[in-house]
Protein backbone atom coordinates (compact mmCIF):
# COMPACT_ATOMS: atom_id res chain seq x y z
CA MET A 1 118.20 114.19 45.61
CA SER A 2 119.27 112.64 48.88
CA ARG A 3 120.83 115.95 49.95
CA ARG A 4 117.58 117.80 49.22
CA LEU A 5 115.66 115.23 51.20
CA ARG A 6 117.98 115.71 54.15
CA ILE A 7 117.54 119.48 53.96
CA LEU A 8 113.75 119.08 53.76
CA ARG A 9 113.71 116.71 56.71
CA GLY A 10 115.85 119.15 58.67
CA LEU A 11 113.40 121.97 57.98
CA VAL A 12 110.43 119.83 58.99
CA ARG A 13 112.21 118.76 62.18
CA SER A 14 113.18 122.32 63.10
CA ARG A 15 109.56 123.46 62.76
CA ALA A 16 108.17 120.39 64.54
CA VAL A 17 110.28 120.78 67.70
CA PRO A 18 108.69 124.05 68.97
CA LEU A 19 105.24 122.54 68.43
CA LEU A 20 106.25 119.32 70.18
CA ARG A 21 107.65 121.32 73.08
CA LEU A 22 104.40 123.29 73.34
CA LEU A 23 102.36 120.08 73.30
CA TYR A 24 104.74 118.45 75.81
CA THR A 25 104.48 121.43 78.17
CA LEU A 26 100.71 121.53 77.83
CA THR A 27 100.56 117.82 78.59
CA MET A 28 102.76 118.33 81.67
CA TYR A 29 100.41 121.03 82.95
CA LEU A 30 97.36 118.85 82.30
CA MET A 31 99.04 115.89 83.99
CA THR A 32 100.02 117.85 87.09
CA PRO A 33 96.77 117.07 89.00
CA VAL A 34 97.24 113.38 88.18
CA ILE A 35 100.87 113.48 89.34
CA LEU A 36 99.82 115.17 92.58
CA TYR A 37 97.10 112.59 93.12
CA ARG A 38 99.67 109.82 92.62
CA LEU A 39 101.99 111.49 95.12
CA ALA A 40 99.14 111.72 97.61
CA ALA A 41 98.28 108.05 97.09
CA ARG A 42 101.88 107.03 97.68
CA GLY A 43 101.97 109.37 100.66
CA LEU A 44 99.24 107.37 102.38
CA ARG A 45 101.69 104.46 102.48
CA TYR A 46 104.91 106.45 102.85
CA ARG A 47 104.39 109.77 104.61
CA ARG A 48 107.42 111.56 103.23
CA TYR A 49 105.72 111.79 99.83
CA LEU A 50 103.25 114.18 101.48
CA SER A 51 105.89 116.73 102.49
CA ARG A 52 107.88 119.39 100.64
CA TRP A 53 105.46 119.59 97.70
CA ARG A 54 106.30 123.23 97.07
CA GLU A 55 109.84 122.24 96.09
CA ARG A 56 108.43 120.27 93.18
CA PHE A 57 107.23 123.57 91.72
CA GLY A 58 110.45 125.48 92.40
CA PHE A 59 109.31 127.12 95.65
CA PHE A 60 111.91 126.75 98.41
CA GLN A 61 114.10 128.82 100.68
CA ALA A 62 117.73 128.78 99.58
CA PRO A 63 120.75 130.53 101.00
CA GLU A 64 122.23 133.24 98.83
CA MET A 65 124.36 131.42 96.31
CA HIS A 66 126.05 132.08 93.01
CA ASP A 67 127.95 129.83 90.60
CA SER A 68 126.92 126.70 92.48
CA SER A 69 127.97 123.19 91.45
CA TRP A 70 124.79 121.24 90.75
CA VAL A 71 124.48 117.45 90.59
CA HIS A 72 121.15 115.73 89.94
CA ALA A 73 120.65 112.10 90.99
CA VAL A 74 117.07 110.87 90.75
CA SER A 75 116.99 108.27 93.56
CA VAL A 76 119.03 106.11 95.94
CA GLY A 77 120.97 104.16 93.31
CA GLU A 78 122.00 107.26 91.42
CA VAL A 79 122.92 109.05 94.66
CA ASN A 80 125.16 106.16 95.70
CA ALA A 81 126.82 106.16 92.29
CA ALA A 82 127.32 109.93 92.44
CA VAL A 83 128.99 110.02 95.87
CA PRO A 84 132.64 109.84 94.72
CA LEU A 85 131.89 112.32 91.92
CA ILE A 86 130.24 114.80 94.31
CA GLU A 87 133.20 114.52 96.68
CA ALA A 88 135.63 115.06 93.79
CA LEU A 89 133.72 118.11 92.51
CA MET A 90 133.69 119.64 96.00
CA LEU A 91 137.46 119.26 96.09
CA LYS A 92 137.80 120.71 92.59
CA TYR A 93 135.54 123.70 93.30
CA PRO A 94 135.90 124.20 97.09
CA ASP A 95 134.46 127.72 97.11
CA ALA A 96 131.32 126.82 95.16
CA PRO A 97 128.13 125.79 96.99
CA MET A 98 127.25 122.18 96.14
CA VAL A 99 123.59 121.59 95.23
CA VAL A 100 122.30 118.02 94.99
CA THR A 101 118.79 117.35 93.70
CA THR A 102 116.75 114.17 93.73
CA VAL A 103 113.21 113.19 92.74
CA THR A 104 112.33 110.58 95.36
CA PRO A 105 112.12 110.90 99.16
CA THR A 106 114.40 107.87 99.51
CA GLY A 107 117.00 109.63 97.38
CA SER A 108 116.55 112.72 99.53
CA GLU A 109 117.11 110.76 102.73
CA ARG A 110 120.26 109.23 101.29
CA VAL A 111 121.70 112.63 100.36
CA GLN A 112 120.98 114.03 103.79
CA LYS A 113 122.47 111.01 105.53
CA LEU A 114 125.65 111.01 103.43
CA PHE A 115 126.34 114.74 103.23
CA GLY A 116 124.31 116.54 105.87
CA ASP A 117 124.79 120.29 105.64
CA ARG A 118 127.86 119.95 103.40
CA VAL A 119 125.49 120.23 100.44
CA PHE A 120 122.25 122.07 99.76
CA HIS A 121 119.57 119.53 98.90
CA VAL A 122 116.21 120.15 97.26
CA TYR A 123 113.85 118.20 95.02
CA LEU A 124 114.17 118.76 91.29
CA PRO A 125 110.99 120.55 90.17
CA TYR A 126 108.55 119.18 87.63
CA ASP A 127 109.52 120.00 84.06
CA LEU A 128 107.24 123.03 83.83
CA PRO A 129 108.80 126.23 82.43
CA ALA A 130 107.88 128.45 85.38
CA SER A 131 108.97 125.85 87.95
CA VAL A 132 112.30 125.30 86.18
CA LYS A 133 112.98 129.05 86.04
CA ARG A 134 112.20 129.51 89.75
CA PHE A 135 114.53 126.64 90.58
CA LEU A 136 117.42 127.98 88.49
CA ASN A 137 116.89 131.51 89.84
CA ARG A 138 117.41 130.17 93.37
CA ILE A 139 120.44 127.91 92.91
CA ARG A 140 122.13 129.90 90.09
CA PRO A 141 124.38 127.03 88.96
CA ARG A 142 127.71 127.44 87.23
CA PHE A 143 127.22 123.99 85.69
CA ALA A 144 124.88 121.00 85.88
CA VAL A 145 125.86 117.33 86.10
CA ILE A 146 122.91 115.04 85.35
CA MET A 147 123.33 111.43 86.44
CA GLU A 148 122.35 108.65 84.03
CA THR A 149 119.74 109.76 81.44
CA GLU A 150 117.27 112.14 83.03
CA ILE A 151 116.32 114.05 79.87
CA TRP A 152 113.85 116.83 80.75
CA PRO A 153 113.25 119.03 77.69
CA ASN A 154 112.23 122.26 79.41
CA LEU A 155 115.05 121.98 81.94
CA PHE A 156 117.72 121.24 79.35
CA ILE A 157 116.53 123.91 76.91
CA THR A 158 116.27 126.56 79.64
CA CYS A 159 119.78 125.74 80.87
CA ARG A 160 121.07 126.12 77.31
CA GLU A 161 119.27 129.46 76.94
CA ARG A 162 120.87 130.71 80.16
CA GLY A 163 124.35 129.50 79.25
CA ILE A 164 124.46 126.85 82.00
CA PRO A 165 126.63 123.99 80.70
CA ILE A 166 125.26 120.47 81.14
CA VAL A 167 127.24 117.25 81.45
CA VAL A 168 125.18 114.06 81.34
CA THR A 169 127.33 111.47 83.05
CA ASN A 170 127.04 107.75 83.69
CA ALA A 171 124.60 107.95 80.79
CA ARG A 172 122.77 104.80 79.83
CA LEU A 173 119.85 104.09 77.52
CA SER A 174 118.19 100.72 77.14
CA GLU A 175 116.65 99.59 73.87
CA ARG A 176 113.23 99.74 75.54
CA SER A 177 113.78 103.35 76.65
CA LEU A 178 115.01 104.35 73.21
CA LYS A 179 111.87 102.95 71.59
CA GLY A 180 109.75 104.62 74.28
CA TYR A 181 110.54 108.11 72.97
CA GLY A 182 108.56 107.30 69.82
CA PRO A 183 106.85 110.38 68.35
CA VAL A 184 108.59 112.81 70.75
CA ARG A 185 112.06 111.77 69.63
CA PRO A 186 112.65 115.11 67.83
CA LEU A 187 112.06 116.89 71.14
CA ALA A 188 114.33 114.45 72.98
CA ARG A 189 116.94 115.06 70.30
CA ARG A 190 116.66 118.81 70.81
CA ALA A 191 116.97 118.38 74.58
CA ILE A 192 119.99 116.07 74.59
CA ARG A 193 121.74 118.32 72.08
CA CYS A 194 121.56 121.04 74.74
CA ALA A 195 124.07 118.99 76.74
CA ASN A 196 127.65 120.16 76.34
CA PHE A 197 128.84 116.58 76.77
CA VAL A 198 127.33 113.12 77.23
CA ALA A 199 129.55 110.61 79.03
CA ALA A 200 128.16 107.14 78.24
CA GLN A 201 128.64 104.07 80.39
CA SER A 202 129.31 101.67 77.50
CA PRO A 203 129.69 101.52 73.71
CA LEU A 204 126.15 100.16 73.42
CA ASP A 205 124.76 103.05 75.48
CA ALA A 206 126.75 105.50 73.36
CA GLU A 207 125.31 104.08 70.16
CA ARG A 208 121.75 104.34 71.45
CA LEU A 209 122.33 107.88 72.70
CA ARG A 210 123.71 108.78 69.26
CA THR A 211 120.58 107.29 67.70
CA LEU A 212 118.47 109.38 70.07
CA GLY A 213 120.27 112.50 68.88
CA ALA A 214 123.38 113.12 70.98
CA ALA A 215 126.00 114.94 68.95
CA VAL A 216 128.85 112.59 68.03
CA THR A 217 131.44 115.30 68.73
CA ARG A 218 130.10 115.69 72.30
CA LEU A 219 129.68 112.00 73.13
CA ALA A 220 132.19 109.45 74.42
CA VAL A 221 132.35 106.23 76.43
CA ILE A 222 133.69 107.19 79.86
CA GLY A 223 132.69 104.13 81.89
CA ASN A 224 130.46 103.48 84.85
CA LEU A 225 130.90 105.64 87.96
CA LYS A 226 129.65 102.76 90.07
CA PHE A 227 132.93 100.92 89.47
CA ASP A 228 134.58 103.70 91.52
CA MET A 229 132.43 102.99 94.55
CA PRO A 230 134.53 103.18 97.74
CA VAL A 231 134.16 100.54 100.46
CA PRO A 232 134.67 102.29 103.81
CA ALA A 233 136.21 100.22 106.60
CA SER A 234 133.29 101.29 108.82
CA LEU A 235 130.86 99.63 106.40
CA VAL A 236 132.68 96.30 106.64
CA ALA A 237 132.87 96.66 110.42
CA ASN A 238 129.11 97.31 110.65
CA GLY A 239 128.46 94.24 108.52
CA THR A 240 130.70 92.12 110.70
CA ALA A 241 128.93 93.30 113.85
CA LEU A 242 125.54 92.46 112.34
CA ARG A 243 126.75 89.01 111.32
CA ASP A 244 128.15 88.34 114.77
CA SER A 245 124.72 89.07 116.26
CA TRP A 246 123.02 86.70 113.80
CA GLY A 247 125.49 83.85 114.18
CA THR A 248 128.65 83.48 112.13
CA ARG A 249 128.15 79.82 111.18
CA ARG A 250 124.60 79.96 109.83
CA PRO A 251 123.98 80.48 106.07
CA VAL A 252 122.76 84.02 105.33
CA TRP A 253 121.57 85.40 102.02
CA ILE A 254 120.06 88.72 101.06
CA ALA A 255 117.34 89.47 98.50
CA ALA A 256 117.84 93.17 97.79
CA SER A 257 115.72 95.76 95.98
CA THR A 258 112.85 93.36 95.35
CA HIS A 259 109.65 94.39 93.58
CA GLU A 260 106.06 93.21 93.66
CA GLY A 261 105.97 89.80 92.02
CA GLU A 262 109.45 88.90 93.25
CA GLU A 263 109.01 88.47 97.00
CA LEU A 264 106.90 85.31 96.70
CA PRO A 265 109.44 83.54 94.44
CA VAL A 266 112.19 84.64 96.84
CA LEU A 267 110.28 83.16 99.78
CA LYS A 268 109.72 79.93 97.85
CA ALA A 269 113.45 79.72 97.17
CA HIS A 270 114.10 80.30 100.86
CA SER A 271 111.77 77.42 101.73
CA ALA A 272 113.96 75.18 99.58
CA VAL A 273 117.08 76.48 101.32
CA LEU A 274 115.57 75.85 104.76
CA GLN A 275 114.93 72.22 103.87
CA ARG A 276 118.68 71.77 103.44
CA PHE A 277 119.86 74.36 105.97
CA PRO A 278 117.26 74.71 108.76
CA ASP A 279 119.12 77.59 110.42
CA ALA A 280 119.42 79.70 107.24
CA LEU A 281 118.49 83.37 107.36
CA LEU A 282 116.98 85.47 104.56
CA VAL A 283 117.48 89.24 104.73
CA LEU A 284 114.71 90.69 102.59
CA VAL A 285 114.99 94.32 101.47
CA PRO A 286 112.07 95.61 99.34
CA ARG A 287 112.95 98.33 96.84
CA HIS A 288 110.16 100.76 97.75
CA PRO A 289 108.84 101.74 101.19
CA GLU A 290 105.25 101.01 100.23
CA ARG A 291 106.26 97.33 99.87
CA PHE A 292 107.44 97.04 103.49
CA ARG A 293 104.13 96.10 105.11
CA PRO A 294 102.91 93.71 102.38
CA VAL A 295 106.25 91.89 102.40
CA LEU A 296 106.26 91.59 106.16
CA GLY A 297 102.70 90.27 106.04
CA ALA A 298 103.61 87.72 103.35
CA CYS A 299 106.54 86.37 105.37
CA ARG A 300 104.37 85.84 108.44
CA ALA A 301 101.41 84.48 106.47
CA LEU A 302 103.68 81.79 104.98
CA GLY A 303 104.77 80.73 108.44
CA PHE A 304 108.31 82.07 108.53
CA SER A 305 109.67 83.22 111.86
CA THR A 306 110.04 86.89 110.96
CA ARG A 307 111.57 89.96 112.53
CA VAL A 308 111.61 93.51 111.18
CA ARG A 309 114.35 96.12 111.32
CA SER A 310 112.29 99.10 112.55
CA GLU A 311 110.71 97.21 115.45
CA ASP A 312 113.11 94.42 116.42
CA GLY A 313 116.42 95.97 115.49
CA THR A 314 118.08 92.79 114.31
CA ALA A 315 117.52 89.08 113.73
CA ASP A 316 118.00 86.42 116.39
CA ASP A 317 118.97 82.75 116.18
CA ARG A 318 115.34 81.67 115.62
CA CYS A 319 114.63 84.22 112.88
CA GLN A 320 114.18 82.82 109.37
CA CYS A 321 113.27 86.06 107.56
CA PHE A 322 114.53 89.50 108.52
CA VAL A 323 112.67 92.28 106.70
CA VAL A 324 114.62 95.53 106.36
CA ASP A 325 112.02 98.30 106.36
CA THR A 326 114.46 101.19 106.64
CA MET A 327 116.32 103.17 103.99
CA GLY A 328 120.02 103.74 103.40
CA GLU A 329 121.26 100.59 105.15
CA LEU A 330 121.46 98.16 102.25
CA LEU A 331 125.25 98.12 101.95
CA GLN A 332 125.86 97.00 105.51
CA PHE A 333 123.37 94.15 105.03
CA TYR A 334 125.22 93.13 101.87
CA ALA A 335 128.40 93.12 103.96
CA ALA A 336 126.77 90.86 106.55
CA SER A 337 125.52 88.26 104.03
CA ASP A 338 127.15 85.27 102.31
CA ILE A 339 125.27 85.55 99.01
CA ALA A 340 123.36 88.41 97.37
CA PHE A 341 120.36 88.16 95.07
CA VAL A 342 119.71 91.51 93.34
CA GLY A 343 116.06 92.18 92.55
CA GLY A 344 114.27 93.84 89.70
CA SER A 345 115.51 90.91 87.67
CA LEU A 346 112.96 88.13 88.20
CA GLU A 347 110.29 90.53 86.97
CA PRO A 348 110.92 92.59 83.78
CA ILE A 349 112.04 95.67 85.73
CA GLY A 350 115.54 95.60 84.27
CA GLY A 351 117.65 94.86 87.33
CA HIS A 352 119.41 97.01 89.91
CA ASN A 353 122.96 97.76 90.99
CA LEU A 354 125.12 94.62 90.88
CA LEU A 355 128.29 96.49 91.75
CA GLU A 356 127.39 97.20 95.38
CA PRO A 357 127.55 93.54 96.48
CA ALA A 358 130.37 92.91 93.99
CA ALA A 359 132.49 95.64 95.59
CA LEU A 360 132.07 93.84 98.91
CA GLY A 361 133.29 90.58 97.40
CA LYS A 362 129.94 88.83 97.54
CA PRO A 363 128.81 86.18 95.03
CA VAL A 364 125.78 87.57 93.22
CA ILE A 365 122.69 85.95 91.69
CA VAL A 366 120.32 87.67 89.26
CA GLY A 367 117.18 86.75 87.36
CA PRO A 368 116.71 86.82 83.59
CA HIS A 369 115.86 90.55 83.27
CA THR A 370 118.94 92.80 83.56
CA PHE A 371 118.45 95.08 80.55
CA ASN A 372 119.01 98.21 82.68
CA THR A 373 122.48 96.98 83.64
CA GLU A 374 123.29 94.75 80.67
CA GLU A 375 126.92 95.80 80.18
CA VAL A 376 127.77 95.46 83.87
CA ALA A 377 125.89 92.17 84.12
CA ALA A 378 127.68 90.80 81.05
CA LYS A 379 131.11 91.70 82.43
CA LEU A 380 130.39 90.13 85.80
CA ILE A 381 128.80 87.01 84.30
CA ASP A 382 131.73 86.58 81.90
CA ALA A 383 134.10 86.83 84.88
CA LYS A 384 132.07 84.14 86.70
CA ALA A 385 131.24 86.61 89.46
CA VAL A 386 127.47 86.50 88.87
CA LEU A 387 125.06 83.61 88.33
CA ARG A 388 121.89 84.08 86.28
CA VAL A 389 118.78 82.06 87.15
CA ALA A 390 115.43 81.79 85.39
CA ASP A 391 113.01 81.45 88.32
CA GLU A 392 112.60 80.59 91.99
CA VAL A 393 113.41 76.91 91.41
CA GLU A 394 116.79 77.75 89.89
CA LEU A 395 117.32 80.43 92.54
CA GLY A 396 116.81 77.92 95.35
CA ALA A 397 119.10 75.38 93.66
CA ALA A 398 121.82 77.99 93.10
CA LEU A 399 121.68 79.10 96.73
CA ILE A 400 121.95 75.54 98.03
CA ARG A 401 124.88 74.82 95.74
CA LEU A 402 126.77 77.94 96.78
CA PHE A 403 126.12 77.36 100.47
CA THR A 404 127.71 73.93 100.14
CA ARG A 405 130.71 75.27 98.19
CA GLU A 406 132.60 77.87 100.15
CA GLN A 407 135.50 77.85 97.69
CA GLU A 408 133.17 78.69 94.78
CA ARG A 409 131.64 81.57 96.77
CA SER A 410 135.09 82.93 97.51
CA ALA A 411 136.17 82.64 93.87
CA MET A 412 133.05 84.51 92.71
CA GLY A 413 133.67 87.32 95.20
CA GLN A 414 137.31 87.67 94.15
CA ALA A 415 136.34 87.71 90.48
CA ALA A 416 133.85 90.51 91.16
CA GLN A 417 136.47 92.64 92.88
CA HIS A 418 138.92 92.07 90.02
CA VAL A 419 136.32 93.39 87.55
CA LEU A 420 135.78 96.51 89.65
CA GLU A 421 139.49 97.17 89.93
CA ARG A 422 139.94 96.78 86.17
CA GLU A 423 137.09 99.17 85.32
CA ARG A 424 137.78 102.01 87.75
CA GLY A 425 138.54 105.56 86.63
CA ALA A 426 135.24 107.05 85.44
CA VAL A 427 135.13 109.62 88.27
CA ALA A 428 138.49 111.18 87.34
CA ARG A 429 137.53 111.23 83.66
CA THR A 430 134.19 112.88 84.46
CA VAL A 431 135.79 115.58 86.61
CA GLN A 432 138.18 116.30 83.73
CA ILE A 433 135.22 116.65 81.35
CA VAL A 434 133.40 119.02 83.73
CA GLU A 435 136.54 121.13 84.12
CA GLN A 436 136.97 121.44 80.35
CA VAL A 437 133.30 122.21 79.77
CA VAL A 438 133.24 124.91 82.46
CA ALA A 439 136.38 126.45 81.00
CA GLY A 440 134.83 126.47 77.53
CA GLN A 441 137.54 124.18 76.19
CA PRO A 442 137.12 121.27 73.74
CA VAL A 443 136.64 118.02 75.64
CA THR A 444 139.49 115.55 75.26
CA VAL A 445 139.15 112.15 76.93
């Protein structure tokens, strides 16, 4: 009886998927005016959202290319994580054009800054069948590497139909995201099963991806590419130069990738720090460009002596808050700071990349919400490289404690670097997977 039920469920699922895909595609078409309106609204605050719209529908000029290597990284964090992998793939396939796609303008800027004309960059189009086909017709990829878990049904299914192998790497899936698929899970299952291999960050991610529908025979825990992040000597040198200009003896902390609802608690924590250390400096880096002006206004409204990167260049000895309103410079500001607070964690955003400050040997503080990086956070917390706080009161207290204990700061930074060294190797394993997939061989890891 159970076998018959499984067969019946399989038949129902197989017939439901085409209908779900039709409904999904129809919904995407109906939502397109809303998406464009949202882009326009964001463009009023950040002008780059107003440009290159045609790319989002697969219209762009591309050089003649064939059998390109294609890597998709949605935004800045994914681009940074993909850097060593992109470099490794360019070495592995030196004669193949490298195509790197993003979704956000900030991701685009990061690609262009890091690679220049060494890669062909374009926005990934919306998941509309015609747009996807135009895009693939122009870049003609030999294979696709999708960073993290960007599951676009029409894109994945079209790649499968055209024989373009897909490797989903650095794949992660939170419990919240898994539940979010809800009634469209059969379609998500169909899409992820189009991937030739899914390289999960952690055992927990692998289990959730299996629950979503990833084939067990094409799924394995490969590790987190972010552990392979290189630390160029030039980055450390830039951080040292910044710190010299600020003053080497003053306490400096950075609040990075903050979201709406987090800047005020951060500023309250800084007020507490200033009571103990009157010369302390906060480097405040909002996550999204549209937050730059409101954050700058909040700092000045609360009476902090404030300077801003785009206008003033750097902080001076009287500056209490330095707002970084530029993109692609976060790492050098991590390098210039004593302590790093990583945002998206005081509010239920899920947290951002803890490994960037960790790689630089910085003690790290996070809020209670790190479900997007739970495995990494757990490893770093267990190693006593990261402190978790509940709110601005605990944040202020933790900062004051660490500023008074240089030995504890140093021990946290060393512990972080030990974790990174222990966990390295995901890039080499991913390149091996891509090579086997492209060659049509069984993947062995």
